[in-house]
Amino acid sequence: MSDSRLVYSTEIGRIKHDEAQAEPEVKLFKDGFIRIEKQSKGRKGKGVMLVVGIDPKAHDLKDIAKTLKSKMGQGGAVKDGLIEIQGDDRDKLKTILEGIGFKVKLAGG
C-alpha cells in the first residue's frame, strides 16, 4: 500500500500535518535594527505600518503588538512574523519601540 495520510475525519474535521504548520520565515537584519515600513497595497488605500525584523524566538510578538496598539491608540495584528499597526504615525511608533529597547530604522516611503 502507498504512503496514505489521513486528511479529514468526520469527528474532528480537517487534519493538519506538521509540514503545513511550519513557522513562517521571518526576515531578520544583520545590523541588529528592526524596520518600520509603510504599506497600503492591497488594503483599499488604507495604510498600515509593518514592524519587520523582530525575532519571534527571542521576543513575544503578540505581547509587543498589544503594547504598541495600546500606546498608539490604534488597531493592529500579528501576521506571518510581522506586526501590523493601523495608521501612518511612524515617528511615534519609532519612539515607542526605542523606549522598549529596540534599535529602529524607518524604511520605505
PDB file of N, CA and C in Angstrom:
ATOM      1  N   MET A   1       0.841  -1.183   0.000  1.00  0.00           N
ATOM      2  CA  MET A   1       0.000   0.000   0.000  1.00  0.00           C
ATOM      3  C   MET A   1       0.880   1.237   0.000  1.00  0.00           C
ATOM      4  N   SER A   2       0.468   2.279  -0.680  1.00  0.00           N
ATOM      5  CA  SER A   2       1.250   3.510  -0.773  1.00  0.00           C
ATOM      6  C   SER A   2       1.166   4.313   0.520  1.00  0.00           C
ATOM      7  N   ASP A   3       1.956   5.357   0.583  1.00  0.00           N
ATOM      8  CA  ASP A   3       2.008   6.224   1.764  1.00  0.00           C
ATOM      9  C   ASP A   3       0.738   7.068   1.822  1.00  0.00           C
ATOM     10  N   SER A   4      -0.265   6.602   2.551  1.00  0.00           N
ATOM     11  CA  SER A   4      -1.518   7.352   2.648  1.00  0.00           C
ATOM     12  C   SER A   4      -1.586   8.038   4.004  1.00  0.00           C
ATOM     13  N   ARG A   5      -2.091   9.252   3.986  1.00  0.00           N
ATOM     14  CA  ARG A   5      -2.234  10.011   5.218  1.00  0.00           C
ATOM     15  C   ARG A   5      -3.675  10.464   5.354  1.00  0.00           C
ATOM     16  N   LEU A   6      -4.156  10.479   6.558  1.00  0.00           N
ATOM     17  CA  LEU A   6      -5.499  10.927   6.851  1.00  0.00           C
ATOM     18  C   LEU A   6      -5.568  12.441   6.728  1.00  0.00           C
ATOM     19  N   VAL A   7      -6.514  12.959   5.957  1.00  0.00           N
ATOM     20  CA  VAL A   7      -6.647  14.405   5.784  1.00  0.00           C
ATOM     21  C   VAL A   7      -7.956  14.946   6.338  1.00  0.00           C
ATOM     22  N   TYR A   8      -8.929  14.068   6.581  1.00  0.00           N
ATOM     23  CA  TYR A   8     -10.214  14.528   7.088  1.00  0.00           C
ATOM     24  C   TYR A   8     -10.850  13.441   7.940  1.00  0.00           C
ATOM     25  N   SER A   9     -11.477  13.836   9.015  1.00  0.00           N
ATOM     26  CA  SER A   9     -12.198  12.919   9.875  1.00  0.00           C
ATOM     27  C   SER A   9     -13.562  13.522  10.166  1.00  0.00           C
ATOM     28  N   THR A  10     -14.598  12.702  10.131  1.00  0.00           N
ATOM     29  CA  THR A  10     -15.941  13.229  10.399  1.00  0.00           C
ATOM     30  C   THR A  10     -16.103  13.663  11.854  1.00  0.00           C
ATOM     31  N   GLU A  11     -15.253  13.167  12.744  1.00  0.00           N
ATOM     32  CA  GLU A  11     -15.347  13.552  14.148  1.00  0.00           C
ATOM     33  C   GLU A  11     -14.690  14.898  14.440  1.00  0.00           C
ATOM     34  N   ILE A  12     -13.494  15.154  13.837  1.00  0.00           N
ATOM     35  CA  ILE A  12     -12.755  16.370  14.177  1.00  0.00           C
ATOM     36  C   ILE A  12     -12.534  17.306  12.996  1.00  0.00           C
ATOM     37  N   GLY A  13     -12.912  16.907  11.790  1.00  0.00           N
ATOM     38  CA  GLY A  13     -12.758  17.774  10.628  1.00  0.00           C
ATOM     39  C   GLY A  13     -11.405  17.608   9.968  1.00  0.00           C
ATOM     40  N   ARG A  14     -10.922  18.690   9.329  1.00  0.00           N
ATOM     41  CA  ARG A  14      -9.662  18.639   8.587  1.00  0.00           C
ATOM     42  C   ARG A  14      -8.502  18.421   9.544  1.00  0.00           C
ATOM     43  N   ILE A  15      -7.584  17.558   9.136  1.00  0.00           N
ATOM     44  CA  ILE A  15      -6.413  17.231   9.941  1.00  0.00           C
ATOM     45  C   ILE A  15      -5.205  17.900   9.312  1.00  0.00           C
ATOM     46  N   LYS A  16      -4.535  18.723  10.106  1.00  0.00           N
ATOM     47  CA  LYS A  16      -3.350  19.428   9.617  1.00  0.00           C
ATOM     48  C   LYS A  16      -2.115  18.647  10.035  1.00  0.00           C
ATOM     49  N   HIS A  17      -1.163  18.545   9.122  1.00  0.00           N
ATOM     50  CA  HIS A  17       0.078  17.840   9.394  1.00  0.00           C
ATOM     51  C   HIS A  17       1.172  18.836   9.738  1.00  0.00           C
ATOM     52  N   ASP A  18       2.254  18.344  10.334  1.00  0.00           N
ATOM     53  CA  ASP A  18       3.344  19.200  10.803  1.00  0.00           C
ATOM     54  C   ASP A  18       3.966  20.039   9.697  1.00  0.00           C
ATOM     55  N   GLU A  19       4.031  19.507   8.467  1.00  0.00           N
ATOM     56  CA  GLU A  19       4.637  20.268   7.380  1.00  0.00           C
ATOM     57  C   GLU A  19       3.857  21.553   7.101  1.00  0.00           C
ATOM     58  N   ALA A  20       2.556  21.499   7.207  1.00  0.00           N
ATOM     59  CA  ALA A  20       1.712  22.664   6.929  1.00  0.00           C
ATOM     60  C   ALA A  20       1.773  23.681   8.067  1.00  0.00           C
ATOM     61  N   GLN A  21       2.168  23.259   9.255  1.00  0.00           N
ATOM     62  CA  GLN A  21       2.174  24.144  10.409  1.00  0.00           C
ATOM     63  C   GLN A  21       3.559  24.704  10.713  1.00  0.00           C
ATOM     64  N   ALA A  22       4.450  24.661   9.753  1.00  0.00           N
ATOM     65  CA  ALA A  22       5.790  25.197   9.969  1.00  0.00           C
ATOM     66  C   ALA A  22       5.715  26.703  10.222  1.00  0.00           C
ATOM     67  N   GLU A  23       6.635  27.203  11.052  1.00  0.00           N
ATOM     68  CA  GLU A  23       6.640  28.628  11.371  1.00  0.00           C
ATOM     69  C   GLU A  23       7.016  29.439  10.136  1.00  0.00           C
ATOM     70  N   PRO A  24       6.411  30.619   9.981  1.00  0.00           N
ATOM     71  CA  PRO A  24       6.747  31.447   8.822  1.00  0.00           C
ATOM     72  C   PRO A  24       8.187  31.935   8.913  1.00  0.00           C
ATOM     73  N   GLU A  25       8.805  32.111   7.766  1.00  0.00           N
ATOM     74  CA  GLU A  25      10.170  32.596   7.719  1.00  0.00           C
ATOM     75  C   GLU A  25      10.171  34.093   7.995  1.00  0.00           C
ATOM     76  N   VAL A  26      10.931  34.511   8.985  1.00  0.00           N
ATOM     77  CA  VAL A  26      10.961  35.907   9.397  1.00  0.00           C
ATOM     78  C   VAL A  26      12.224  36.559   8.853  1.00  0.00           C
ATOM     79  N   LYS A  27      12.071  37.759   8.315  1.00  0.00           N
ATOM     80  CA  LYS A  27      13.208  38.496   7.773  1.00  0.00           C
ATOM     81  C   LYS A  27      13.934  39.194   8.920  1.00  0.00           C
ATOM     82  N   LEU A  28      15.169  38.747   9.196  1.00  0.00           N
ATOM     83  CA  LEU A  28      15.988  39.361  10.231  1.00  0.00           C
ATOM     84  C   LEU A  28      17.146  40.096   9.564  1.00  0.00           C
ATOM     85  N   PHE A  29      17.536  41.218  10.131  1.00  0.00           N
ATOM     86  CA  PHE A  29      18.582  42.041   9.552  1.00  0.00           C
ATOM     87  C   PHE A  29      19.883  41.866  10.330  1.00  0.00           C
ATOM     88  N   LYS A  30      21.007  41.824   9.613  1.00  0.00           N
ATOM     89  CA  LYS A  30      22.310  41.581  10.234  1.00  0.00           C
ATOM     90  C   LYS A  30      22.791  42.754  11.067  1.00  0.00           C
ATOM     91  N   ASP A  31      22.298  43.966  10.782  1.00  0.00           N
ATOM     92  CA  ASP A  31      22.777  45.137  11.514  1.00  0.00           C
ATOM     93  C   ASP A  31      22.122  45.301  12.885  1.00  0.00           C
ATOM     94  N   GLY A  32      21.169  44.441  13.229  1.00  0.00           N
ATOM     95  CA  GLY A  32      20.544  44.497  14.545  1.00  0.00           C
ATOM     96  C   GLY A  32      19.383  45.462  14.651  1.00  0.00           C
ATOM     97  N   PHE A  33      19.080  46.168  13.584  1.00  0.00           N
ATOM     98  CA  PHE A  33      17.962  47.113  13.583  1.00  0.00           C
ATOM     99  C   PHE A  33      16.684  46.403  13.147  1.00  0.00           C
ATOM    100  N   ILE A  34      15.556  46.903  13.629  1.00  0.00           N
ATOM    101  CA  ILE A  34      14.273  46.490  13.068  1.00  0.00           C
ATOM    102  C   ILE A  34      13.788  47.635  12.181  1.00  0.00           C
ATOM    103  N   ARG A  35      12.920  47.339  11.249  1.00  0.00           N
ATOM    104  CA  ARG A  35      12.451  48.335  10.289  1.00  0.00           C
ATOM    105  C   ARG A  35      10.956  48.576  10.474  1.00  0.00           C
ATOM    106  N   ILE A  36      10.564  49.820  10.242  1.00  0.00           N
ATOM    107  CA  ILE A  36       9.143  50.176  10.185  1.00  0.00           C
ATOM    108  C   ILE A  36       8.857  50.559   8.740  1.00  0.00           C
ATOM    109  N   GLU A  37       8.003  49.765   8.097  1.00  0.00           N
ATOM    110  CA  GLU A  37       7.649  50.008   6.704  1.00  0.00           C
ATOM    111  C   GLU A  37       6.203  50.466   6.618  1.00  0.00           C
ATOM    112  N   LYS A  38       5.928  51.280   5.619  1.00  0.00           N
ATOM    113  CA  LYS A  38       4.556  51.713   5.346  1.00  0.00           C
ATOM    114  C   LYS A  38       4.031  50.889   4.179  1.00  0.00           C
ATOM    115  N   GLN A  39       2.798  50.402   4.293  1.00  0.00           N
ATOM    116  CA  GLN A  39       2.215  49.610   3.208  1.00  0.00           C
ATOM    117  C   GLN A  39       0.736  49.934   3.069  1.00  0.00           C
ATOM    118  N   SER A  40       0.302  50.136   1.838  1.00  0.00           N
ATOM    119  CA  SER A  40      -1.122  50.350   1.580  1.00  0.00           C
ATOM    120  C   SER A  40      -1.606  49.484   0.426  1.00  0.00           C
ATOM    121  N   LYS A  41      -0.708  48.797  -0.232  1.00  0.00           N
ATOM    122  CA  LYS A  41      -1.056  47.969  -1.384  1.00  0.00           C
ATOM    123  C   LYS A  41      -1.958  46.809  -0.954  1.00  0.00           C
ATOM    124  N   GLY A  42      -3.058  46.641  -1.665  1.00  0.00           N
ATOM    125  CA  GLY A  42      -3.984  45.558  -1.370  1.00  0.00           C
ATOM    126  C   GLY A  42      -4.850  45.806  -0.151  1.00  0.00           C
ATOM    127  N   ARG A  43      -4.905  47.042   0.319  1.00  0.00           N
ATOM    128  CA  ARG A  43      -5.680  47.362   1.521  1.00  0.00           C
ATOM    129  C   ARG A  43      -6.700  48.463   1.257  1.00  0.00           C
ATOM    130  N   LYS A  44      -7.093  48.601   0.005  1.00  0.00           N
ATOM    131  CA  LYS A  44      -8.084  49.598  -0.413  1.00  0.00           C
ATOM    132  C   LYS A  44      -7.669  51.011  -0.009  1.00  0.00           C
ATOM    133  N   GLY A  45      -6.370  51.302  -0.104  1.00  0.00           N
ATOM    134  CA  GLY A  45      -5.874  52.641   0.187  1.00  0.00           C
ATOM    135  C   GLY A  45      -5.606  52.928   1.648  1.00  0.00           C
ATOM    136  N   LYS A  46      -6.003  52.034   2.531  1.00  0.00           N
ATOM    137  CA  LYS A  46      -5.761  52.229   3.962  1.00  0.00           C
ATOM    138  C   LYS A  46      -4.331  51.835   4.280  1.00  0.00           C
ATOM    139  N   GLY A  47      -3.601  52.706   4.915  1.00  0.00           N
ATOM    140  CA  GLY A  47      -2.203  52.444   5.212  1.00  0.00           C
ATOM    141  C   GLY A  47      -2.013  51.728   6.534  1.00  0.00           C
ATOM    142  N   VAL A  48      -1.012  50.876   6.576  1.00  0.00           N
ATOM    143  CA  VAL A  48      -0.598  50.233   7.815  1.00  0.00           C
ATOM    144  C   VAL A  48       0.910  50.350   7.922  1.00  0.00           C
ATOM    145  N   MET A  49       1.397  50.262   9.147  1.00  0.00           N
ATOM    146  CA  MET A  49       2.828  50.244   9.401  1.00  0.00           C
ATOM    147  C   MET A  49       3.214  48.811   9.746  1.00  0.00           C
ATOM    148  N   LEU A  50       4.252  48.307   9.104  1.00  0.00           N
ATOM    149  CA  LEU A  50       4.737  46.958   9.363  1.00  0.00           C
ATOM    150  C   LEU A  50       6.030  47.039  10.164  1.00  0.00           C
ATOM    151  N   VAL A  51       6.080  46.331  11.277  1.00  0.00           N
ATOM    152  CA  VAL A  51       7.297  46.246  12.075  1.00  0.00           C
ATOM    153  C   VAL A  51       7.974  44.942  11.679  1.00  0.00           C
ATOM    154  N   VAL A  52       9.133  45.052  11.023  1.00  0.00           N
ATOM    155  CA  VAL A  52       9.819  43.908  10.423  1.00  0.00           C
ATOM    156  C   VAL A  52      11.170  43.702  11.099  1.00  0.00           C
ATOM    157  N   GLY A  53      11.532  42.446  11.345  1.00  0.00           N
ATOM    158  CA  GLY A  53      12.869  42.140  11.832  1.00  0.00           C
ATOM    159  C   GLY A  53      12.953  41.769  13.298  1.00  0.00           C
ATOM    160  N   ILE A  54      11.826  41.585  13.970  1.00  0.00           N
ATOM    161  CA  ILE A  54      11.854  41.149  15.367  1.00  0.00           C
ATOM    162  C   ILE A  54      11.879  39.623  15.375  1.00  0.00           C
ATOM    163  N   ASP A  55      12.836  39.047  16.094  1.00  0.00           N
ATOM    164  CA  ASP A  55      12.976  37.596  16.164  1.00  0.00           C
ATOM    165  C   ASP A  55      11.870  37.018  17.059  1.00  0.00           C
ATOM    166  N   PRO A  56      10.961  36.203  16.492  1.00  0.00           N
ATOM    167  CA  PRO A  56       9.865  35.662  17.307  1.00  0.00           C
ATOM    168  C   PRO A  56      10.327  34.636  18.331  1.00  0.00           C
ATOM    169  N   LYS A  57      11.540  34.112  18.173  1.00  0.00           N
ATOM    170  CA  LYS A  57      12.062  33.156  19.158  1.00  0.00           C
ATOM    171  C   LYS A  57      12.592  33.877  20.389  1.00  0.00           C
ATOM    172  N   ALA A  58      13.030  35.122  20.223  1.00  0.00           N
ATOM    173  CA  ALA A  58      13.590  35.888  21.333  1.00  0.00           C
ATOM    174  C   ALA A  58      12.558  36.806  21.993  1.00  0.00           C
ATOM    175  N   HIS A  59      11.503  37.172  21.266  1.00  0.00           N
ATOM    176  CA  HIS A  59      10.501  38.111  21.786  1.00  0.00           C
ATOM    177  C   HIS A  59       9.095  37.576  21.516  1.00  0.00           C
ATOM    178  N   ASP A  60       8.159  37.937  22.385  1.00  0.00           N
ATOM    179  CA  ASP A  60       6.762  37.564  22.190  1.00  0.00           C
ATOM    180  C   ASP A  60       6.090  38.632  21.325  1.00  0.00           C
ATOM    181  N   LEU A  61       5.849  38.307  20.052  1.00  0.00           N
ATOM    182  CA  LEU A  61       5.290  39.287  19.117  1.00  0.00           C
ATOM    183  C   LEU A  61       3.901  39.754  19.537  1.00  0.00           C
ATOM    184  N   LYS A  62       3.086  38.850  20.070  1.00  0.00           N
ATOM    185  CA  LYS A  62       1.728  39.237  20.484  1.00  0.00           C
ATOM    186  C   LYS A  62       1.771  40.233  21.632  1.00  0.00           C
ATOM    187  N   ASP A  63       2.687  40.034  22.560  1.00  0.00           N
ATOM    188  CA  ASP A  63       2.824  40.959  23.694  1.00  0.00           C
ATOM    189  C   ASP A  63       3.313  42.332  23.231  1.00  0.00           C
ATOM    190  N   ILE A  64       4.291  42.342  22.322  1.00  0.00           N
ATOM    191  CA  ILE A  64       4.798  43.612  21.786  1.00  0.00           C
ATOM    192  C   ILE A  64       3.693  44.321  21.009  1.00  0.00           C
ATOM    193  N   ALA A  65       2.934  43.572  20.195  1.00  0.00           N
ATOM    194  CA  ALA A  65       1.850  44.169  19.417  1.00  0.00           C
ATOM    195  C   ALA A  65       0.783  44.764  20.331  1.00  0.00           C
ATOM    196  N   LYS A  66       0.474  44.064  21.406  1.00  0.00           N
ATOM    197  CA  LYS A  66      -0.527  44.571  22.350  1.00  0.00           C
ATOM    198  C   LYS A  66      -0.070  45.889  22.973  1.00  0.00           C
ATOM    199  N   THR A  67       1.204  45.960  23.345  1.00  0.00           N
ATOM    200  CA  THR A  67       1.764  47.192  23.912  1.00  0.00           C
ATOM    201  C   THR A  67       1.707  48.329  22.899  1.00  0.00           C
ATOM    202  N   LEU A  68       2.133  48.036  21.661  1.00  0.00           N
ATOM    203  CA  LEU A  68       2.138  49.068  20.620  1.00  0.00           C
ATOM    204  C   LEU A  68       0.733  49.566  20.325  1.00  0.00           C
ATOM    205  N   LYS A  69      -0.220  48.657  20.206  1.00  0.00           N
ATOM    206  CA  LYS A  69      -1.594  49.061  19.895  1.00  0.00           C
ATOM    207  C   LYS A  69      -2.185  49.926  20.994  1.00  0.00           C
ATOM    208  N   SER A  70      -1.904  49.584  22.246  1.00  0.00           N
ATOM    209  CA  SER A  70      -2.471  50.378  23.344  1.00  0.00           C
ATOM    210  C   SER A  70      -1.815  51.755  23.433  1.00  0.00           C
ATOM    211  N   LYS A  71      -0.499  51.828  23.237  1.00  0.00           N
ATOM    212  CA  LYS A  71       0.183  53.122  23.318  1.00  0.00           C
ATOM    213  C   LYS A  71      -0.103  53.998  22.100  1.00  0.00           C
ATOM    214  N   MET A  72      -0.325  53.380  20.942  1.00  0.00           N
ATOM    215  CA  MET A  72      -0.636  54.139  19.727  1.00  0.00           C
ATOM    216  C   MET A  72      -2.116  54.515  19.674  1.00  0.00           C
ATOM    217  N   GLY A  73      -2.951  53.755  20.376  1.00  0.00           N
ATOM    218  CA  GLY A  73      -4.387  54.005  20.322  1.00  0.00           C
ATOM    219  C   GLY A  73      -4.985  53.594  18.988  1.00  0.00           C
ATOM    220  N   GLN A  74      -4.393  52.570  18.375  1.00  0.00           N
ATOM    221  CA  GLN A  74      -4.840  52.104  17.055  1.00  0.00           C
ATOM    222  C   GLN A  74      -4.890  50.589  17.043  1.00  0.00           C
ATOM    223  N   GLY A  75      -5.559  50.048  16.042  1.00  0.00           N
ATOM    224  CA  GLY A  75      -5.659  48.608  15.895  1.00  0.00           C
ATOM    225  C   GLY A  75      -4.435  48.033  15.226  1.00  0.00           C
ATOM    226  N   GLY A  76      -4.404  46.726  15.158  1.00  0.00           N
ATOM    227  CA  GLY A  76      -3.294  46.047  14.507  1.00  0.00           C
ATOM    228  C   GLY A  76      -3.407  44.555  14.670  1.00  0.00           C
ATOM    229  N   ALA A  77      -2.393  43.839  14.185  1.00  0.00           N
ATOM    230  CA  ALA A  77      -2.399  42.384  14.237  1.00  0.00           C
ATOM    231  C   ALA A  77      -0.982  41.854  14.082  1.00  0.00           C
ATOM    232  N   VAL A  78      -0.822  40.563  14.391  1.00  0.00           N
ATOM    233  CA  VAL A  78       0.427  39.854  14.134  1.00  0.00           C
ATOM    234  C   VAL A  78       0.138  38.844  13.042  1.00  0.00           C
ATOM    235  N   LYS A  79       0.827  38.980  11.904  1.00  0.00           N
ATOM    236  CA  LYS A  79       0.629  38.068  10.775  1.00  0.00           C
ATOM    237  C   LYS A  79       1.970  37.685  10.182  1.00  0.00           C
ATOM    238  N   ASP A  80       2.208  36.408  10.023  1.00  0.00           N
ATOM    239  CA  ASP A  80       3.402  35.883   9.347  1.00  0.00           C
ATOM    240  C   ASP A  80       4.707  36.445   9.907  1.00  0.00           C
ATOM    241  N   GLY A  81       4.801  36.588  11.209  1.00  0.00           N
ATOM    242  CA  GLY A  81       6.032  37.073  11.824  1.00  0.00           C
ATOM    243  C   GLY A  81       6.225  38.577  11.754  1.00  0.00           C
ATOM    244  N   LEU A  82       5.205  39.303  11.309  1.00  0.00           N
ATOM    245  CA  LEU A  82       5.245  40.761  11.230  1.00  0.00           C
ATOM    246  C   LEU A  82       4.194  41.337  12.174  1.00  0.00           C
ATOM    247  N   ILE A  83       4.459  42.536  12.663  1.00  0.00           N
ATOM    248  CA  ILE A  83       3.453  43.246  13.447  1.00  0.00           C
ATOM    249  C   ILE A  83       2.891  44.343  12.561  1.00  0.00           C
ATOM    250  N   GLU A  84       1.576  44.350  12.400  1.00  0.00           N
ATOM    251  CA  GLU A  84       0.895  45.378  11.610  1.00  0.00           C
ATOM    252  C   GLU A  84       0.186  46.323  12.563  1.00  0.00           C
ATOM    253  N   ILE A  85       0.422  47.614  12.401  1.00  0.00           N
ATOM    254  CA  ILE A  85      -0.270  48.640  13.177  1.00  0.00           C
ATOM    255  C   ILE A  85      -0.968  49.563  12.193  1.00  0.00           C
ATOM    256  N   GLN A  86      -2.240  49.838  12.421  1.00  0.00           N
ATOM    257  CA  GLN A  86      -3.002  50.683  11.504  1.00  0.00           C
ATOM    258  C   GLN A  86      -2.559  52.130  11.624  1.00  0.00           C
ATOM    259  N   GLY A  87      -2.698  52.862  10.534  1.00  0.00           N
ATOM    260  CA  GLY A  87      -2.371  54.284  10.535  1.00  0.00           C
ATOM    261  C   GLY A  87      -1.019  54.566   9.915  1.00  0.00           C
ATOM    262  N   ASP A  88      -0.562  55.818  10.082  1.00  0.00           N
ATOM    263  CA  ASP A  88       0.708  56.223   9.479  1.00  0.00           C
ATOM    264  C   ASP A  88       1.441  57.224  10.367  1.00  0.00           C
ATOM    265  N   ASP A  89       1.660  56.880  11.617  1.00  0.00           N
ATOM    266  CA  ASP A  89       2.420  57.735  12.526  1.00  0.00           C
ATOM    267  C   ASP A  89       3.703  56.992  12.895  1.00  0.00           C
ATOM    268  N   ARG A  90       4.598  56.867  11.898  1.00  0.00           N
ATOM    269  CA  ARG A  90       5.804  56.054  12.079  1.00  0.00           C
ATOM    270  C   ARG A  90       6.766  56.659  13.097  1.00  0.00           C
ATOM    271  N   ASP A  91       6.792  57.977  13.215  1.00  0.00           N
ATOM    272  CA  ASP A  91       7.692  58.608  14.188  1.00  0.00           C
ATOM    273  C   ASP A  91       7.296  58.255  15.619  1.00  0.00           C
ATOM    274  N   LYS A  92       6.001  58.268  15.910  1.00  0.00           N
ATOM    275  CA  LYS A  92       5.520  57.884  17.238  1.00  0.00           C
ATOM    276  C   LYS A  92       5.803  56.408  17.505  1.00  0.00           C
ATOM    277  N   LEU A  93       5.587  55.563  16.498  1.00  0.00           N
ATOM    278  CA  LEU A  93       5.855  54.134  16.637  1.00  0.00           C
ATOM    279  C   LEU A  93       7.343  53.887  16.884  1.00  0.00           C
ATOM    280  N   LYS A  94       8.188  54.636  16.191  1.00  0.00           N
ATOM    281  CA  LYS A  94       9.639  54.509  16.378  1.00  0.00           C
ATOM    282  C   LYS A  94      10.028  54.869  17.803  1.00  0.00           C
ATOM    283  N   THR A  95       9.460  55.940  18.321  1.00  0.00           N
ATOM    284  CA  THR A  95       9.754  56.369  19.691  1.00  0.00           C
ATOM    285  C   THR A  95       9.347  55.307  20.707  1.00  0.00           C
ATOM    286  N   ILE A  96       8.193  54.717  20.515  1.00  0.00           N
ATOM    287  CA  ILE A  96       7.710  53.676  21.440  1.00  0.00           C
ATOM    288  C   ILE A  96       8.615  52.452  21.391  1.00  0.00           C
ATOM    289  N   LEU A  97       8.984  52.008  20.172  1.00  0.00           N
ATOM    290  CA  LEU A  97       9.850  50.833  20.039  1.00  0.00           C
ATOM    291  C   LEU A  97      11.234  51.086  20.638  1.00  0.00           C
ATOM    292  N   GLU A  98      11.762  52.300  20.470  1.00  0.00           N
ATOM    293  CA  GLU A  98      13.055  52.629  21.070  1.00  0.00           C
ATOM    294  C   GLU A  98      12.957  52.641  22.588  1.00  0.00           C
ATOM    295  N   GLY A  99      11.802  53.047  23.119  1.00  0.00           N
ATOM    296  CA  GLY A  99      11.585  53.014  24.564  1.00  0.00           C
ATOM    297  C   GLY A  99      11.547  51.603  25.110  1.00  0.00           C
ATOM    298  N   ILE A 100      11.084  50.654  24.294  1.00  0.00           N
ATOM    299  CA  ILE A 100      11.060  49.248  24.699  1.00  0.00           C
ATOM    300  C   ILE A 100      12.473  48.667  24.684  1.00  0.00           C
ATOM    301  N   GLY A 101      13.357  49.228  23.835  1.00  0.00           N
ATOM    302  CA  GLY A 101      14.740  48.763  23.812  1.00  0.00           C
ATOM    303  C   GLY A 101      15.223  48.287  22.455  1.00  0.00           C
ATOM    304  N   PHE A 102      14.470  48.546  21.396  1.00  0.00           N
ATOM    305  CA  PHE A 102      14.865  48.139  20.046  1.00  0.00           C
ATOM    306  C   PHE A 102      15.610  49.280  19.357  1.00  0.00           C
ATOM    307  N   LYS A 103      16.491  48.902  18.436  1.00  0.00           N
ATOM    308  CA  LYS A 103      17.112  49.875  17.533  1.00  0.00           C
ATOM    309  C   LYS A 103      16.259  49.891  16.270  1.00  0.00           C
ATOM    310  N   VAL A 104      15.784  51.068  15.861  1.00  0.00           N
ATOM    311  CA  VAL A 104      14.763  51.161  14.823  1.00  0.00           C
ATOM    312  C   VAL A 104      15.226  52.051  13.686  1.00  0.00           C
ATOM    313  N   LYS A 105      14.877  51.648  12.454  1.00  0.00           N
ATOM    314  CA  LYS A 105      15.070  52.473  11.254  1.00  0.00           C
ATOM    315  C   LYS A 105      13.744  52.550  10.523  1.00  0.00           C
ATOM    316  N   LEU A 106      13.479  53.708   9.916  1.00  0.00           N
ATOM    317  CA  LEU A 106      12.309  53.862   9.053  1.00  0.00           C
ATOM    318  C   LEU A 106      12.695  53.402   7.663  1.00  0.00           C
ATOM    319  N   ALA A 107      11.865  52.577   7.050  1.00  0.00           N
ATOM    320  CA  ALA A 107      12.177  52.032   5.735  1.00  0.00           C
ATOM    321  C   ALA A 107      11.049  52.366   4.770  1.00  0.00           C
ATOM    322  N   GLY A 108      11.384  52.571   3.532  1.00  0.00           N
ATOM    323  CA  GLY A 108      10.378  52.834   2.513  1.00  0.00           C
ATOM    324  C   GLY A 108       9.838  54.239   2.582  1.00  0.00           C
ATOM    325  N   GLY A 109       8.839  54.503   1.720  1.00  0.00           N
ATOM    326  CA  GLY A 109       8.262  55.837   1.589  1.00  0.00           C
ATOM    327  C   GLY A 109       7.418  56.179   2.703  1.00  0.00           C
TER     328      GLY A 109
END
